[in-house]
């Protein structure tokens, strides 16, 4: 059975270039999974904030919970986009790309933490 019998997904990544050292591809996959775990943690935190009825003003609690869920979705998108771009760069021996979503996710998380702190102190 050959690799043509079972093409690898996504073809836009695997159809071009040469296979990199497997260690690099596995490291890229571990980074992908770390971003997925981060996204899951954000979503769980947003759900927990609302489910546990944290003593915040209702509008603030819902706003922060939605922000955390959105951060989880952004982290998941970051995981996929970063994996694809990095794998493609390794296959074509080009410089590794930088991630554009790290700063917005960090800022959003900082704002969420600040909002919860202010809400708890008021």
PDB file of N, CA and C in Angstrom:
ATOM      1  N   UNK A   1       0.847  -1.168   0.000  1.00  0.00           N
ATOM      2  CA  UNK A   1       0.000   0.000   0.000  1.00  0.00           C
ATOM      3  C   UNK A   1       0.896   1.237   0.000  1.00  0.00           C
ATOM      4  N   UNK A   2       0.652   2.171  -0.887  1.00  0.00           N
ATOM      5  CA  UNK A   2       1.488   3.360  -1.020  1.00  0.00           C
ATOM      6  C   UNK A   2       0.783   4.578  -0.456  1.00  0.00           C
ATOM      7  N   UNK A   3       1.534   5.679  -0.343  1.00  0.00           N
ATOM      8  CA  UNK A   3       0.932   6.908   0.168  1.00  0.00           C
ATOM      9  C   UNK A   3      -0.091   7.469  -0.811  1.00  0.00           C
ATOM     10  N   UNK A   4      -0.010   7.092  -2.092  1.00  0.00           N
ATOM     11  CA  UNK A   4      -1.012   7.557  -3.051  1.00  0.00           C
ATOM     12  C   UNK A   4      -2.369   6.897  -2.781  1.00  0.00           C
ATOM     13  N   UNK A   5      -2.356   5.682  -2.197  1.00  0.00           N
ATOM     14  CA  UNK A   5      -3.609   5.011  -1.871  1.00  0.00           C
ATOM     15  C   UNK A   5      -4.350   5.750  -0.751  1.00  0.00           C
ATOM     16  N   UNK A   6      -3.617   6.354   0.141  1.00  0.00           N
ATOM     17  CA  UNK A   6      -4.175   7.105   1.267  1.00  0.00           C
ATOM     18  C   UNK A   6      -3.501   8.471   1.318  1.00  0.00           C
ATOM     19  N   UNK A   7      -3.981   9.428   0.516  1.00  0.00           N
ATOM     20  CA  UNK A   7      -3.337  10.747   0.498  1.00  0.00           C
ATOM     21  C   UNK A   7      -3.436  11.422   1.869  1.00  0.00           C
ATOM     22  N   UNK A   8      -2.411  12.177   2.195  1.00  0.00           N
ATOM     23  CA  UNK A   8      -2.382  12.869   3.484  1.00  0.00           C
ATOM     24  C   UNK A   8      -3.169  14.168   3.390  1.00  0.00           C
ATOM     25  N   UNK A   9      -3.763  14.540   4.492  1.00  0.00           N
ATOM     26  CA  UNK A   9      -4.598  15.736   4.575  1.00  0.00           C
ATOM     27  C   UNK A   9      -3.868  16.795   5.369  1.00  0.00           C
ATOM     28  N   UNK A  10      -3.925  18.030   4.966  1.00  0.00           N
ATOM     29  CA  UNK A  10      -4.528  18.603   3.776  1.00  0.00           C
ATOM     30  C   UNK A  10      -3.563  18.547   2.589  1.00  0.00           C
ATOM     31  N   UNK A  11      -4.107  18.310   1.454  1.00  0.00           N
ATOM     32  CA  UNK A  11      -3.274  18.194   0.254  1.00  0.00           C
ATOM     33  C   UNK A  11      -2.516  19.473  -0.031  1.00  0.00           C
ATOM     34  N   UNK A  12      -3.099  20.626   0.324  1.00  0.00           N
ATOM     35  CA  UNK A  12      -2.424  21.903   0.077  1.00  0.00           C
ATOM     36  C   UNK A  12      -1.090  21.990   0.819  1.00  0.00           C
ATOM     37  N   UNK A  13      -0.931  21.200   1.854  1.00  0.00           N
ATOM     38  CA  UNK A  13       0.330  21.167   2.602  1.00  0.00           C
ATOM     39  C   UNK A  13       1.237  20.063   2.076  1.00  0.00           C
ATOM     40  N   UNK A  14       0.695  18.870   1.914  1.00  0.00           N
ATOM     41  CA  UNK A  14       1.520  17.703   1.651  1.00  0.00           C
ATOM     42  C   UNK A  14       1.832  17.436   0.186  1.00  0.00           C
ATOM     43  N   UNK A  15       1.144  18.115  -0.737  1.00  0.00           N
ATOM     44  CA  UNK A  15       1.418  17.869  -2.154  1.00  0.00           C
ATOM     45  C   UNK A  15       2.692  18.542  -2.650  1.00  0.00           C
ATOM     46  N   UNK A  16       3.203  19.520  -1.925  1.00  0.00           N
ATOM     47  CA  UNK A  16       4.391  20.234  -2.386  1.00  0.00           C
ATOM     48  C   UNK A  16       5.572  20.049  -1.463  1.00  0.00           C
ATOM     49  N   UNK A  17       6.754  20.262  -2.000  1.00  0.00           N
ATOM     50  CA  UNK A  17       7.964  20.211  -1.192  1.00  0.00           C
ATOM     51  C   UNK A  17       8.381  18.804  -0.809  1.00  0.00           C
ATOM     52  N   UNK A  18       9.345  18.760   0.088  1.00  0.00           N
ATOM     53  CA  UNK A  18       9.900  17.493   0.578  1.00  0.00           C
ATOM     54  C   UNK A  18       9.527  17.298   2.041  1.00  0.00           C
ATOM     55  N   UNK A  19       9.396  16.029   2.437  1.00  0.00           N
ATOM     56  CA  UNK A  19       9.119  15.739   3.843  1.00  0.00           C
ATOM     57  C   UNK A  19      10.277  16.233   4.705  1.00  0.00           C
ATOM     58  N   UNK A  20       9.978  17.032   5.747  1.00  0.00           N
ATOM     59  CA  UNK A  20      11.038  17.448   6.661  1.00  0.00           C
ATOM     60  C   UNK A  20      11.410  16.299   7.607  1.00  0.00           C
ATOM     61  N   UNK A  21      12.441  16.518   8.385  1.00  0.00           N
ATOM     62  CA  UNK A  21      12.810  15.569   9.429  1.00  0.00           C
ATOM     63  C   UNK A  21      11.564  15.317  10.287  1.00  0.00           C
ATOM     64  N   UNK A  22      11.196  14.069  10.540  1.00  0.00           N
ATOM     65  CA  UNK A  22       9.981  13.775  11.314  1.00  0.00           C
ATOM     66  C   UNK A  22       9.954  14.458  12.677  1.00  0.00           C
ATOM     67  N   UNK A  23      11.106  14.674  13.272  1.00  0.00           N
ATOM     68  CA  UNK A  23      11.130  15.344  14.580  1.00  0.00           C
ATOM     69  C   UNK A  23      10.538  16.740  14.500  1.00  0.00           C
ATOM     70  N   UNK A  24      10.774  17.438  13.387  1.00  0.00           N
ATOM     71  CA  UNK A  24      10.248  18.784  13.233  1.00  0.00           C
ATOM     72  C   UNK A  24       8.737  18.753  13.041  1.00  0.00           C
ATOM     73  N   UNK A  25       8.267  17.805  12.245  1.00  0.00           N
ATOM     74  CA  UNK A  25       6.820  17.682  12.047  1.00  0.00           C
ATOM     75  C   UNK A  25       6.127  17.303  13.357  1.00  0.00           C
ATOM     76  N   UNK A  26       6.745  16.432  14.129  1.00  0.00           N
ATOM     77  CA  UNK A  26       6.152  16.047  15.415  1.00  0.00           C
ATOM     78  C   UNK A  26       6.157  17.212  16.400  1.00  0.00           C
ATOM     79  N   UNK A  27       7.205  18.026  16.382  1.00  0.00           N
ATOM     80  CA  UNK A  27       7.236  19.215  17.242  1.00  0.00           C
ATOM     81  C   UNK A  27       6.141  20.195  16.825  1.00  0.00           C
ATOM     82  N   UNK A  28       5.937  20.341  15.519  1.00  0.00           N
ATOM     83  CA  UNK A  28       4.869  21.204  15.021  1.00  0.00           C
ATOM     84  C   UNK A  28       3.509  20.683  15.478  1.00  0.00           C
ATOM     85  N   UNK A  29       3.339  19.376  15.464  1.00  0.00           N
ATOM     86  CA  UNK A  29       2.082  18.781  15.918  1.00  0.00           C
ATOM     87  C   UNK A  29       1.878  18.998  17.416  1.00  0.00           C
ATOM     88  N   UNK A  30       2.946  18.902  18.205  1.00  0.00           N
ATOM     89  CA  UNK A  30       2.825  19.154  19.645  1.00  0.00           C
ATOM     90  C   UNK A  30       2.407  20.598  19.912  1.00  0.00           C
ATOM     91  N   UNK A  31       2.935  21.534  19.123  1.00  0.00           N
ATOM     92  CA  UNK A  31       2.542  22.931  19.270  1.00  0.00           C
ATOM     93  C   UNK A  31       1.069  23.102  18.913  1.00  0.00           C
ATOM     94  N   UNK A  32       0.639  22.444  17.842  1.00  0.00           N
ATOM     95  CA  UNK A  32      -0.778  22.459  17.453  1.00  0.00           C
ATOM     96  C   UNK A  32      -1.644  21.980  18.617  1.00  0.00           C
ATOM     97  N   UNK A  33      -1.263  20.860  19.215  1.00  0.00           N
ATOM     98  CA  UNK A  33      -2.060  20.306  20.315  1.00  0.00           C
ATOM     99  C   UNK A  33      -2.040  21.209  21.543  1.00  0.00           C
ATOM    100  N   UNK A  34      -0.934  21.912  21.780  1.00  0.00           N
ATOM    101  CA  UNK A  34      -0.877  22.858  22.900  1.00  0.00           C
ATOM    102  C   UNK A  34      -1.864  24.002  22.680  1.00  0.00           C
ATOM    103  N   UNK A  35      -1.947  24.501  21.449  1.00  0.00           N
ATOM    104  CA  UNK A  35      -2.924  25.549  21.142  1.00  0.00           C
ATOM    105  C   UNK A  35      -4.348  25.028  21.306  1.00  0.00           C
ATOM    106  N   UNK A  36      -4.591  23.780  20.922  1.00  0.00           N
ATOM    107  CA  UNK A  36      -5.924  23.194  21.091  1.00  0.00           C
ATOM    108  C   UNK A  36      -6.270  23.116  22.579  1.00  0.00           C
ATOM    109  N   UNK A  37      -5.322  22.687  23.408  1.00  0.00           N
ATOM    110  CA  UNK A  37      -5.565  22.633  24.858  1.00  0.00           C
ATOM    111  C   UNK A  37      -5.830  24.026  25.414  1.00  0.00           C
ATOM    112  N   UNK A  38      -5.104  25.010  24.924  1.00  0.00           N
ATOM    113  CA  UNK A  38      -5.311  26.390  25.370  1.00  0.00           C
ATOM    114  C   UNK A  38      -6.717  26.851  25.009  1.00  0.00           C
ATOM    115  N   UNK A  39      -7.145  26.561  23.780  1.00  0.00           N
ATOM    116  CA  UNK A  39      -8.497  26.928  23.367  1.00  0.00           C
ATOM    117  C   UNK A  39      -9.552  26.252  24.225  1.00  0.00           C
ATOM    118  N   UNK A  40      -9.342  24.981  24.513  1.00  0.00           N
ATOM    119  CA  UNK A  40     -10.273  24.241  25.362  1.00  0.00           C
ATOM    120  C   UNK A  40     -10.330  24.852  26.760  1.00  0.00           C
ATOM    121  N   UNK A  41      -9.185  25.263  27.289  1.00  0.00           N
ATOM    122  CA  UNK A  41      -9.150  25.877  28.623  1.00  0.00           C
ATOM    123  C   UNK A  41      -9.910  27.199  28.632  1.00  0.00           C
ATOM    124  N   UNK A  42      -9.763  28.000  27.581  1.00  0.00           N
ATOM    125  CA  UNK A  42     -10.509  29.258  27.508  1.00  0.00           C
ATOM    126  C   UNK A  42     -12.016  29.006  27.473  1.00  0.00           C
ATOM    127  N   UNK A  43     -12.444  28.072  26.656  1.00  0.00           N
ATOM    128  CA  UNK A  43     -13.868  27.765  26.562  1.00  0.00           C
ATOM    129  C   UNK A  43     -14.378  27.242  27.907  1.00  0.00           C
ATOM    130  N   UNK A  44     -13.639  26.350  28.545  1.00  0.00           N
ATOM    131  CA  UNK A  44     -14.049  25.814  29.848  1.00  0.00           C
ATOM    132  C   UNK A  44     -14.129  26.921  30.894  1.00  0.00           C
ATOM    133  N   UNK A  45     -13.178  27.855  30.863  1.00  0.00           N
ATOM    134  CA  UNK A  45     -13.206  28.965  31.824  1.00  0.00           C
ATOM    135  C   UNK A  45     -14.432  29.839  31.602  1.00  0.00           C
ATOM    136  N   UNK A  46     -14.758  30.096  30.339  1.00  0.00           N
ATOM    137  CA  UNK A  46     -15.952  30.895  30.050  1.00  0.00           C
ATOM    138  C   UNK A  46     -17.225  30.214  30.517  1.00  0.00           C
ATOM    139  N   UNK A  47     -17.321  28.927  30.259  1.00  0.00           N
ATOM    140  CA  UNK A  47     -18.499  28.182  30.708  1.00  0.00           C
ATOM    141  C   UNK A  47     -18.565  28.109  32.232  1.00  0.00           C
ATOM    142  N   UNK A  48     -17.434  27.904  32.877  1.00  0.00           N
ATOM    143  CA  UNK A  48     -17.406  27.818  34.340  1.00  0.00           C
ATOM    144  C   UNK A  48     -17.797  29.153  34.977  1.00  0.00           C
ATOM    145  N   UNK A  49     -17.329  30.246  34.397  1.00  0.00           N
ATOM    146  CA  UNK A  49     -17.655  31.567  34.933  1.00  0.00           C
ATOM    147  C   UNK A  49     -19.164  31.769  34.982  1.00  0.00           C
ATOM    148  N   UNK A  50     -19.840  31.341  33.945  1.00  0.00           N
ATOM    149  CA  UNK A  50     -21.289  31.499  33.893  1.00  0.00           C
ATOM    150  C   UNK A  50     -21.995  30.418  34.721  1.00  0.00           C
ATOM    151  N   UNK A  51     -21.546  29.179  34.626  1.00  0.00           N
ATOM    152  CA  UNK A  51     -22.216  28.081  35.324  1.00  0.00           C
ATOM    153  C   UNK A  51     -22.098  28.205  36.842  1.00  0.00           C
ATOM    154  N   UNK A  52     -20.953  28.703  37.323  1.00  0.00           N
ATOM    155  CA  UNK A  52     -20.751  28.822  38.768  1.00  0.00           C
ATOM    156  C   UNK A  52     -21.307  30.116  39.335  1.00  0.00           C
ATOM    157  N   UNK A  53     -21.886  30.929  38.461  1.00  0.00           N
ATOM    158  CA  UNK A  53     -22.476  32.198  38.889  1.00  0.00           C
ATOM    159  C   UNK A  53     -21.498  33.015  39.750  1.00  0.00           C
ATOM    160  N   UNK A  54     -20.317  33.232  39.206  1.00  0.00           N
ATOM    161  CA  UNK A  54     -19.306  34.052  39.895  1.00  0.00           C
ATOM    162  C   UNK A  54     -19.941  35.392  40.247  1.00  0.00           C
ATOM    163  N   UNK A  55     -19.695  35.875  41.481  1.00  0.00           N
ATOM    164  CA  UNK A  55     -20.395  37.086  41.938  1.00  0.00           C
ATOM    165  C   UNK A  55     -19.906  38.354  41.227  1.00  0.00           C
ATOM    166  N   UNK A  56     -20.331  38.508  40.000  1.00  0.00           N
ATOM    167  CA  UNK A  56     -20.076  39.711  39.211  1.00  0.00           C
ATOM    168  C   UNK A  56     -21.424  40.240  38.748  1.00  0.00           C
ATOM    169  N   UNK A  57     -21.435  41.470  38.313  1.00  0.00           N
ATOM    170  CA  UNK A  57     -22.657  41.993  37.697  1.00  0.00           C
ATOM    171  C   UNK A  57     -22.994  41.077  36.524  1.00  0.00           C
ATOM    172  N   UNK A  58     -24.264  40.723  36.365  1.00  0.00           N
ATOM    173  CA  UNK A  58     -24.632  39.766  35.312  1.00  0.00           C
ATOM    174  C   UNK A  58     -24.116  40.154  33.926  1.00  0.00           C
ATOM    175  N   UNK A  59     -24.202  41.422  33.563  1.00  0.00           N
ATOM    176  CA  UNK A  59     -23.737  41.846  32.235  1.00  0.00           C
ATOM    177  C   UNK A  59     -22.232  41.639  32.095  1.00  0.00           C
ATOM    178  N   UNK A  60     -21.482  41.875  33.196  1.00  0.00           N
ATOM    179  CA  UNK A  60     -20.027  41.707  33.154  1.00  0.00           C
ATOM    180  C   UNK A  60     -19.669  40.226  33.071  1.00  0.00           C
ATOM    181  N   UNK A  61     -20.372  39.406  33.848  1.00  0.00           N
ATOM    182  CA  UNK A  61     -20.102  37.971  33.839  1.00  0.00           C
ATOM    183  C   UNK A  61     -20.337  37.370  32.446  1.00  0.00           C
ATOM    184  N   UNK A  62     -21.435  37.763  31.808  1.00  0.00           N
ATOM    185  CA  UNK A  62     -21.734  37.256  30.470  1.00  0.00           C
ATOM    186  C   UNK A  62     -20.709  37.782  29.466  1.00  0.00           C
ATOM    187  N   UNK A  63     -20.358  39.048  29.578  1.00  0.00           N
ATOM    188  CA  UNK A  63     -19.365  39.632  28.663  1.00  0.00           C
ATOM    189  C   UNK A  63     -18.022  38.927  28.774  1.00  0.00           C
ATOM    190  N   UNK A  64     -17.568  38.686  30.002  1.00  0.00           N
ATOM    191  CA  UNK A  64     -16.287  38.012  30.211  1.00  0.00           C
ATOM    192  C   UNK A  64     -16.366  36.560  29.734  1.00  0.00           C
ATOM    193  N   UNK A  65     -17.475  35.889  30.018  1.00  0.00           N
ATOM    194  CA  UNK A  65     -17.636  34.498  29.576  1.00  0.00           C
ATOM    195  C   UNK A  65     -17.598  34.418  28.054  1.00  0.00           C
ATOM    196  N   UNK A  66     -18.279  35.322  27.386  1.00  0.00           N
ATOM    197  CA  UNK A  66     -18.261  35.340  25.917  1.00  0.00           C
ATOM    198  C   UNK A  66     -16.851  35.643  25.415  1.00  0.00           C
ATOM    199  N   UNK A  67     -16.152  36.574  26.073  1.00  0.00           N
ATOM    200  CA  UNK A  67     -14.769  36.876  25.690  1.00  0.00           C
ATOM    201  C   UNK A  67     -13.866  35.659  25.794  1.00  0.00           C
ATOM    202  N   UNK A  68     -14.039  34.890  26.854  1.00  0.00           N
ATOM    203  CA  UNK A  68     -13.228  33.685  27.024  1.00  0.00           C
ATOM    204  C   UNK A  68     -13.556  32.638  25.960  1.00  0.00           C
ATOM    205  N   UNK A  69     -14.818  32.473  25.648  1.00  0.00           N
ATOM    206  CA  UNK A  69     -15.198  31.511  24.605  1.00  0.00           C
ATOM    207  C   UNK A  69     -14.644  31.969  23.253  1.00  0.00           C
ATOM    208  N   UNK A  70     -14.714  33.272  22.968  1.00  0.00           N
ATOM    209  CA  UNK A  70     -14.145  33.791  21.727  1.00  0.00           C
ATOM    210  C   UNK A  70     -12.628  33.588  21.681  1.00  0.00           C
ATOM    211  N   UNK A  71     -11.977  33.767  22.832  1.00  0.00           N
ATOM    212  CA  UNK A  71     -10.528  33.514  22.886  1.00  0.00           C
ATOM    213  C   UNK A  71     -10.244  32.040  22.602  1.00  0.00           C
ATOM    214  N   UNK A  72     -11.113  31.160  23.090  1.00  0.00           N
ATOM    215  CA  UNK A  72     -10.951  29.735  22.804  1.00  0.00           C
ATOM    216  C   UNK A  72     -11.091  29.430  21.324  1.00  0.00           C
ATOM    217  N   UNK A  73     -12.055  30.063  20.684  1.00  0.00           N
ATOM    218  CA  UNK A  73     -12.218  29.879  19.239  1.00  0.00           C
ATOM    219  C   UNK A  73     -11.012  30.430  18.483  1.00  0.00           C
ATOM    220  N   UNK A  74     -10.511  31.580  18.919  1.00  0.00           N
ATOM    221  CA  UNK A  74      -9.334  32.174  18.267  1.00  0.00           C
ATOM    222  C   UNK A  74      -8.112  31.280  18.449  1.00  0.00           C
ATOM    223  N   UNK A  75      -7.947  30.702  19.629  1.00  0.00           N
ATOM    224  CA  UNK A  75      -6.800  29.816  19.865  1.00  0.00           C
ATOM    225  C   UNK A  75      -6.892  28.570  18.992  1.00  0.00           C
ATOM    226  N   UNK A  76      -8.093  28.076  18.788  1.00  0.00           N
ATOM    227  CA  UNK A  76      -8.278  26.913  17.928  1.00  0.00           C
ATOM    228  C   UNK A  76      -7.950  27.260  16.482  1.00  0.00           C
ATOM    229  N   UNK A  77      -8.393  28.420  16.029  1.00  0.00           N
ATOM    230  CA  UNK A  77      -8.044  28.870  14.673  1.00  0.00           C
ATOM    231  C   UNK A  77      -6.539  29.052  14.548  1.00  0.00           C
ATOM    232  N   UNK A  78      -5.928  29.622  15.586  1.00  0.00           N
ATOM    233  CA  UNK A  78      -4.479  29.805  15.616  1.00  0.00           C
ATOM    234  C   UNK A  78      -3.771  28.471  15.481  1.00  0.00           C
ATOM    235  N   UNK A  79      -4.281  27.465  16.156  1.00  0.00           N
ATOM    236  CA  UNK A  79      -3.663  26.136  16.109  1.00  0.00           C
ATOM    237  C   UNK A  79      -3.584  25.629  14.677  1.00  0.00           C
ATOM    238  N   UNK A  80      -4.699  25.675  13.983  1.00  0.00           N
ATOM    239  CA  UNK A  80      -4.744  25.128  12.626  1.00  0.00           C
ATOM    240  C   UNK A  80      -3.904  25.952  11.659  1.00  0.00           C
ATOM    241  N   UNK A  81      -4.109  27.269  11.685  1.00  0.00           N
ATOM    242  CA  UNK A  81      -3.385  28.130  10.744  1.00  0.00           C
ATOM    243  C   UNK A  81      -1.877  28.053  10.955  1.00  0.00           C
ATOM    244  N   UNK A  82      -1.464  28.045  12.193  1.00  0.00           N
ATOM    245  CA  UNK A  82      -0.038  27.978  12.493  1.00  0.00           C
ATOM    246  C   UNK A  82       0.545  26.634  12.071  1.00  0.00           C
ATOM    247  N   UNK A  83      -0.185  25.553  12.320  1.00  0.00           N
ATOM    248  CA  UNK A  83       0.310  24.233  11.921  1.00  0.00           C
ATOM    249  C   UNK A  83       0.495  24.165  10.410  1.00  0.00           C
ATOM    250  N   UNK A  84      -0.517  24.622   9.661  1.00  0.00           N
ATOM    251  CA  UNK A  84      -0.447  24.571   8.196  1.00  0.00           C
ATOM    252  C   UNK A  84       0.716  25.413   7.685  1.00  0.00           C
ATOM    253  N   UNK A  85       0.815  26.646   8.162  1.00  0.00           N
ATOM    254  CA  UNK A  85       1.865  27.543   7.669  1.00  0.00           C
ATOM    255  C   UNK A  85       3.256  27.024   8.019  1.00  0.00           C
ATOM    256  N   UNK A  86       3.420  26.484   9.218  1.00  0.00           N
ATOM    257  CA  UNK A  86       4.728  25.984   9.640  1.00  0.00           C
ATOM    258  C   UNK A  86       5.100  24.723   8.869  1.00  0.00           C
ATOM    259  N   UNK A  87       4.152  23.815   8.720  1.00  0.00           N
ATOM    260  CA  UNK A  87       4.437  22.571   7.991  1.00  0.00           C
ATOM    261  C   UNK A  87       4.793  22.882   6.533  1.00  0.00           C
ATOM    262  N   UNK A  88       4.057  23.797   5.935  1.00  0.00           N
ATOM    263  CA  UNK A  88       4.340  24.174   4.543  1.00  0.00           C
ATOM    264  C   UNK A  88       5.723  24.819   4.434  1.00  0.00           C
ATOM    265  N   UNK A  89       6.066  25.684   5.379  1.00  0.00           N
ATOM    266  CA  UNK A  89       7.382  26.337   5.356  1.00  0.00           C
ATOM    267  C   UNK A  89       8.501  25.309   5.503  1.00  0.00           C
ATOM    268  N   UNK A  90       8.318  24.341   6.382  1.00  0.00           N
ATOM    269  CA  UNK A  90       9.354  23.314   6.560  1.00  0.00           C
ATOM    270  C   UNK A  90       9.517  22.482   5.293  1.00  0.00           C
ATOM    271  N   UNK A  91       8.419  22.179   4.631  1.00  0.00           N
ATOM    272  CA  UNK A  91       8.478  21.359   3.418  1.00  0.00           C
ATOM    273  C   UNK A  91       9.156  22.090   2.262  1.00  0.00           C
ATOM    274  N   UNK A  92       9.079  23.423   2.253  1.00  0.00           N
ATOM    275  CA  UNK A  92       9.664  24.207   1.164  1.00  0.00           C
ATOM    276  C   UNK A  92      10.959  24.909   1.573  1.00  0.00           C
ATOM    277  N   UNK A  93      11.471  24.572   2.763  1.00  0.00           N
ATOM    278  CA  UNK A  93      12.732  25.131   3.266  1.00  0.00           C
ATOM    279  C   UNK A  93      12.731  26.659   3.262  1.00  0.00           C
ATOM    280  N   UNK A  94      11.620  27.240   3.707  1.00  0.00           N
ATOM    281  CA  UNK A  94      11.517  28.687   3.834  1.00  0.00           C
ATOM    282  C   UNK A  94      11.480  29.041   5.324  1.00  0.00           C
ATOM    283  N   UNK A  95      11.713  30.316   5.666  1.00  0.00           N
ATOM    284  CA  UNK A  95      11.685  30.701   7.082  1.00  0.00           C
ATOM    285  C   UNK A  95      10.328  30.388   7.722  1.00  0.00           C
ATOM    286  N   UNK A  96      10.384  30.018   8.978  1.00  0.00           N
ATOM    287  CA  UNK A  96       9.145  29.709   9.689  1.00  0.00           C
ATOM    288  C   UNK A  96       8.343  30.985   9.905  1.00  0.00           C
ATOM    289  N   UNK A  97       7.027  30.905   9.728  1.00  0.00           N
ATOM    290  CA  UNK A  97       6.181  32.099   9.862  1.00  0.00           C
ATOM    291  C   UNK A  97       5.958  32.464  11.323  1.00  0.00           C
ATOM    292  N   UNK A  98       5.589  33.705  11.520  1.00  0.00           N
ATOM    293  CA  UNK A  98       5.210  34.178  12.845  1.00  0.00           C
ATOM    294  C   UNK A  98       3.697  34.103  12.966  1.00  0.00           C
ATOM    295  N   UNK A  99       3.228  33.987  14.171  1.00  0.00           N
ATOM    296  CA  UNK A  99       1.799  33.886  14.419  1.00  0.00           C
ATOM    297  C   UNK A  99       1.219  35.270  14.655  1.00  0.00           C
ATOM    298  N   UNK A 100       0.120  35.570  13.992  1.00  0.00           N
ATOM    299  CA  UNK A 100      -0.515  36.863  14.150  1.00  0.00           C
ATOM    300  C   UNK A 100      -1.542  36.934  15.257  1.00  0.00           C
ATOM    301  N   UNK A 101      -1.947  35.808  15.805  1.00  0.00           N
ATOM    302  CA  UNK A 101      -3.011  35.817  16.811  1.00  0.00           C
ATOM    303  C   UNK A 101      -2.512  35.779  18.250  1.00  0.00           C
ATOM    304  N   UNK A 102      -1.223  35.629  18.458  1.00  0.00           N
ATOM    305  CA  UNK A 102      -0.728  35.534  19.838  1.00  0.00           C
ATOM    306  C   UNK A 102      -1.014  36.809  20.624  1.00  0.00           C
ATOM    307  N   UNK A 103      -0.680  37.960  20.055  1.00  0.00           N
ATOM    308  CA  UNK A 103      -0.897  39.218  20.775  1.00  0.00           C
ATOM    309  C   UNK A 103      -2.376  39.492  21.024  1.00  0.00           C
ATOM    310  N   UNK A 104      -3.262  39.369  20.024  1.00  0.00           N
ATOM    311  CA  UNK A 104      -4.686  39.609  20.328  1.00  0.00           C
ATOM    312  C   UNK A 104      -5.241  38.674  21.401  1.00  0.00           C
ATOM    313  N   UNK A 105      -4.831  37.422  21.392  1.00  0.00           N
ATOM    314  CA  UNK A 105      -5.311  36.491  22.419  1.00  0.00           C
ATOM    315  C   UNK A 105      -4.779  36.915  23.790  1.00  0.00           C
ATOM    316  N   UNK A 106      -3.516  37.315  23.859  1.00  0.00           N
ATOM    317  CA  UNK A 106      -2.937  37.750  25.132  1.00  0.00           C
ATOM    318  C   UNK A 106      -3.629  39.014  25.644  1.00  0.00           C
ATOM    319  N   UNK A 107      -3.900  39.959  24.756  1.00  0.00           N
ATOM    320  CA  UNK A 107      -4.585  41.190  25.155  1.00  0.00           C
ATOM    321  C   UNK A 107      -5.993  40.877  25.646  1.00  0.00           C
ATOM    322  N   UNK A 108      -6.708  40.026  24.919  1.00  0.00           N
ATOM    323  CA  UNK A 108      -8.056  39.653  25.323  1.00  0.00           C
ATOM    324  C   UNK A 108      -8.055  38.986  26.697  1.00  0.00           C
ATOM    325  N   UNK A 109      -7.107  38.094  26.922  1.00  0.00           N
ATOM    326  CA  UNK A 109      -7.032  37.425  28.217  1.00  0.00           C
ATOM    327  C   UNK A 109      -6.706  38.427  29.327  1.00  0.00           C
ATOM    328  N   UNK A 110      -5.807  39.369  29.042  1.00  0.00           N
ATOM    329  CA  UNK A 110      -5.495  40.407  30.027  1.00  0.00           C
ATOM    330  C   UNK A 110      -6.712  41.255  30.356  1.00  0.00           C
ATOM    331  N   UNK A 111      -7.486  41.620  29.338  1.00  0.00           N
ATOM    332  CA  UNK A 111      -8.699  42.405  29.565  1.00  0.00           C
ATOM    333  C   UNK A 111      -9.736  41.616  30.358  1.00  0.00           C
ATOM    334  N   UNK A 112      -9.852  40.333  30.071  1.00  0.00           N
ATOM    335  CA  UNK A 112     -10.786  39.474  30.816  1.00  0.00           C
ATOM    336  C   UNK A 112     -10.379  39.420  32.291  1.00  0.00           C
ATOM    337  N   UNK A 113      -9.094  39.209  32.550  1.00  0.00           N
ATOM    338  CA  UNK A 113      -8.614  39.171  33.932  1.00  0.00           C
ATOM    339  C   UNK A 113      -8.851  40.491  34.655  1.00  0.00           C
ATOM    340  N   UNK A 114      -8.590  41.591  33.979  1.00  0.00           N
ATOM    341  CA  UNK A 114      -8.811  42.911  34.569  1.00  0.00           C
ATOM    342  C   UNK A 114     -10.292  43.133  34.854  1.00  0.00           C
ATOM    343  N   UNK A 115     -11.158  42.748  33.922  1.00  0.00           N
ATOM    344  CA  UNK A 115     -12.599  42.921  34.126  1.00  0.00           C
ATOM    345  C   UNK A 115     -13.092  42.097  35.311  1.00  0.00           C
ATOM    346  N   UNK A 116     -12.613  40.874  35.439  1.00  0.00           N
ATOM    347  CA  UNK A 116     -13.024  40.040  36.580  1.00  0.00           C
ATOM    348  C   UNK A 116     -12.526  40.653  37.885  1.00  0.00           C
ATOM    349  N   UNK A 117     -11.293  41.109  37.911  1.00  0.00           N
ATOM    350  CA  UNK A 117     -10.735  41.721  39.115  1.00  0.00           C
ATOM    351  C   UNK A 117     -11.536  42.953  39.528  1.00  0.00           C
ATOM    352  N   UNK A 118     -11.790  43.835  38.576  1.00  0.00           N
ATOM    353  CA  UNK A 118     -12.571  45.042  38.879  1.00  0.00           C
ATOM    354  C   UNK A 118     -13.985  44.664  39.323  1.00  0.00           C
ATOM    355  N   UNK A 119     -14.592  43.690  38.645  1.00  0.00           N
ATOM    356  CA  UNK A 119     -15.939  43.261  39.002  1.00  0.00           C
ATOM    357  C   UNK A 119     -16.017  42.673  40.399  1.00  0.00           C
ATOM    358  N   UNK A 120     -14.986  41.956  40.804  1.00  0.00           N
ATOM    359  CA  UNK A 120     -14.981  41.354  42.143  1.00  0.00           C
ATOM    360  C   UNK A 120     -14.748  42.412  43.241  1.00  0.00           C
ATOM    361  N   UNK A 121     -13.987  43.442  42.895  1.00  0.00           N
ATOM    362  CA  UNK A 121     -13.692  44.475  43.881  1.00  0.00           C
ATOM    363  C   UNK A 121     -14.818  45.489  44.043  1.00  0.00           C
ATOM    364  N   UNK A 122     -15.694  45.586  43.077  1.00  0.00           N
ATOM    365  CA  UNK A 122     -16.796  46.560  43.153  1.00  0.00           C
ATOM    366  C   UNK A 122     -17.987  46.020  43.889  1.00  0.00           C
TER     367      UNK A 122
END
